């Protein structure tokens, strides 16, 4: 019985299950946040409006699209580097827009949580999705041709 390698056999390979586990872990916060926004659109739009951002309905729609679409694409490993870069930028923008009151310990934690998520996503940008992904499948098919 063949087993999936936990980590890559060498540092140049993108094999192993750790990249997909990492993508799922990072994507979970975006997918769950997107679903919570879909469940309570008025509350979310009100929160965006209270923060002083312009066009709260558009910001809401964009946030849902980025969080759900980006989160699902990250899990699947589809256009992973582009998606991870967009999600990293989104995490930093939301940190600055919604969690910049660093004197409040809760906001301080949320701000740096977003910074940490962006850092993890930048690793995905640098190293790609790994073998178990749509991108990895596409790379393997290209190599066969």
Protein backbone atom coordinates (compact mmCIF):
# COMPACT_ATOMS: atom_id res chain seq x y z
CA UNK A 1 0.00 0.00 0.00
CA UNK A 2 1.48 3.30 -1.06
CA UNK A 3 1.29 6.11 1.43
CA UNK A 4 1.25 9.83 0.81
CA UNK A 5 4.50 11.48 1.83
CA UNK A 6 4.04 13.88 4.71
CA UNK A 7 6.78 16.16 3.44
CA UNK A 8 8.60 16.43 0.17
CA UNK A 9 11.36 13.94 -0.57
CA UNK A 10 13.69 16.82 -1.43
CA UNK A 11 13.55 20.57 -1.06
CA UNK A 12 12.94 21.14 -4.77
CA UNK A 13 9.81 19.01 -4.84
CA UNK A 14 6.30 20.20 -4.07
CA UNK A 15 5.13 16.72 -3.06
CA UNK A 16 3.59 15.83 0.27
CA UNK A 17 0.37 16.57 2.05
CA UNK A 18 1.61 19.43 4.23
CA UNK A 19 0.97 22.10 1.56
CA UNK A 20 -2.68 21.06 1.17
CA UNK A 21 -3.15 20.90 4.95
CA UNK A 22 -1.62 24.37 5.21
CA UNK A 23 -3.84 25.73 2.43
CA UNK A 24 -6.94 24.33 4.13
CA UNK A 25 -5.87 25.80 7.47
CA UNK A 26 -5.32 29.27 6.05
CA UNK A 27 -8.42 29.14 3.83
CA UNK A 28 -10.69 28.10 6.70
CA UNK A 29 -10.70 31.57 8.23
CA UNK A 30 -11.63 33.18 4.90
CA UNK A 31 -14.38 30.68 4.04
CA UNK A 32 -15.91 30.85 7.52
CA UNK A 33 -15.75 34.65 7.53
CA UNK A 34 -17.34 34.79 4.07
CA UNK A 35 -20.14 32.46 5.16
CA UNK A 36 -20.80 34.59 8.25
CA UNK A 37 -21.07 37.66 6.01
CA UNK A 38 -23.58 35.86 3.75
CA UNK A 39 -25.59 34.87 6.84
CA UNK A 40 -25.78 38.46 8.16
CA UNK A 41 -25.44 40.94 5.28
CA UNK A 42 -27.12 43.87 7.05
CA UNK A 43 -24.90 43.55 10.11
CA UNK A 44 -21.79 43.28 7.96
CA UNK A 45 -22.73 46.28 5.82
CA UNK A 46 -23.45 48.23 9.01
CA UNK A 47 -20.02 47.32 10.40
CA UNK A 48 -18.34 48.41 7.17
CA UNK A 49 -20.34 51.64 7.20
CA UNK A 50 -19.47 52.32 10.85
CA UNK A 51 -15.77 51.98 10.03
CA UNK A 52 -16.12 54.88 7.61
CA UNK A 53 -15.33 53.01 4.41
CA UNK A 54 -17.06 54.30 1.27
CA UNK A 55 -19.60 52.22 -0.66
CA UNK A 56 -20.35 49.68 2.07
CA UNK A 57 -22.61 47.52 -0.13
CA UNK A 58 -19.86 47.22 -2.74
CA UNK A 59 -17.26 46.55 -0.05
CA UNK A 60 -19.54 43.83 1.34
CA UNK A 61 -19.92 42.15 -2.06
CA UNK A 62 -16.18 42.38 -2.67
CA UNK A 63 -15.40 40.92 0.76
CA UNK A 64 -17.75 37.97 0.20
CA UNK A 65 -16.26 37.34 -3.23
CA UNK A 66 -12.68 37.52 -1.98
CA UNK A 67 -13.26 35.45 1.15
CA UNK A 68 -15.45 32.71 -0.33
CA UNK A 69 -14.02 32.63 -3.83
CA UNK A 70 -10.44 33.07 -2.70
CA UNK A 71 -10.80 30.64 0.18
CA UNK A 72 -12.27 27.90 -2.02
CA UNK A 73 -9.66 28.50 -4.74
CA UNK A 74 -6.91 28.27 -2.12
CA UNK A 75 -8.24 24.94 -0.81
CA UNK A 76 -8.38 23.55 -4.34
CA UNK A 77 -4.98 24.95 -5.20
CA UNK A 78 -6.35 26.81 -8.22
CA UNK A 79 -4.27 29.78 -9.44
CA UNK A 80 -2.79 29.51 -5.98
CA UNK A 81 -0.05 32.11 -6.11
CA UNK A 82 -2.35 34.81 -7.48
CA UNK A 83 -5.13 33.89 -5.03
CA UNK A 84 -2.72 33.80 -2.08
CA UNK A 85 -1.31 37.22 -3.03
CA UNK A 86 -4.84 38.68 -3.25
CA UNK A 87 -5.83 37.15 0.09
CA UNK A 88 -2.61 38.45 1.70
CA UNK A 89 -3.37 41.96 0.46
CA UNK A 90 -6.98 41.61 1.67
CA UNK A 91 -5.76 40.53 5.13
CA UNK A 92 -3.46 43.55 5.42
CA UNK A 93 -6.13 45.98 4.15
CA UNK A 94 -8.69 44.63 6.60
CA UNK A 95 -6.14 44.82 9.43
CA UNK A 96 -5.58 48.51 8.71
CA UNK A 97 -9.24 49.32 8.00
CA UNK A 98 -10.85 47.43 10.88
CA UNK A 99 -8.22 46.65 13.52
CA UNK A 100 -5.94 49.68 13.66
CA UNK A 101 -6.91 50.67 17.22
CA UNK A 102 -3.80 48.98 18.59
CA UNK A 103 -4.36 50.40 22.09
CA UNK A 104 -7.31 47.98 22.40
CA UNK A 105 -5.83 44.56 23.19
CA UNK A 106 -8.53 42.75 21.19
CA UNK A 107 -7.87 44.90 18.12
CA UNK A 108 -4.12 44.50 18.61
CA UNK A 109 -4.53 40.70 18.51
CA UNK A 110 -6.78 40.86 15.43
CA UNK A 111 -4.39 43.22 13.65
CA UNK A 112 -1.41 40.91 14.12
CA UNK A 113 -3.52 37.82 13.38
CA UNK A 114 -4.16 39.36 9.97
CA UNK A 115 -0.47 40.16 9.56
CA UNK A 116 0.39 36.54 10.45
CA UNK A 117 -2.17 35.22 7.94
CA UNK A 118 -0.67 37.48 5.27
CA UNK A 119 2.78 36.09 6.13
CA UNK A 120 1.56 32.52 5.72
CA UNK A 121 -0.06 33.42 2.42
CA UNK A 122 3.17 34.97 1.17
CA UNK A 123 4.82 31.59 1.78
CA UNK A 124 2.17 30.06 -0.46
CA UNK A 125 2.99 32.74 -3.06
CA UNK A 126 6.69 31.86 -2.81
CA UNK A 127 6.41 28.06 -2.81
CA UNK A 128 3.17 27.37 -4.68
CA UNK A 129 0.31 25.00 -4.01
CA UNK A 130 2.18 21.72 -3.87
CA UNK A 131 1.49 18.49 -5.71
CA UNK A 132 -2.03 17.88 -4.42
CA UNK A 133 -3.71 20.82 -6.12
CA UNK A 134 -5.26 21.89 -9.39
CA UNK A 135 -2.05 23.80 -10.12
CA UNK A 136 0.08 20.73 -9.34
CA UNK A 137 -2.06 18.59 -11.63
CA UNK A 138 -1.74 21.15 -14.39
CA UNK A 139 2.07 21.17 -13.95
CA UNK A 140 2.22 17.36 -14.09
CA UNK A 141 0.10 17.29 -17.26
CA UNK A 142 2.32 19.92 -18.89
CA UNK A 143 5.44 17.91 -18.05
CA UNK A 144 3.97 14.81 -19.73
CA UNK A 145 3.37 16.62 -23.02
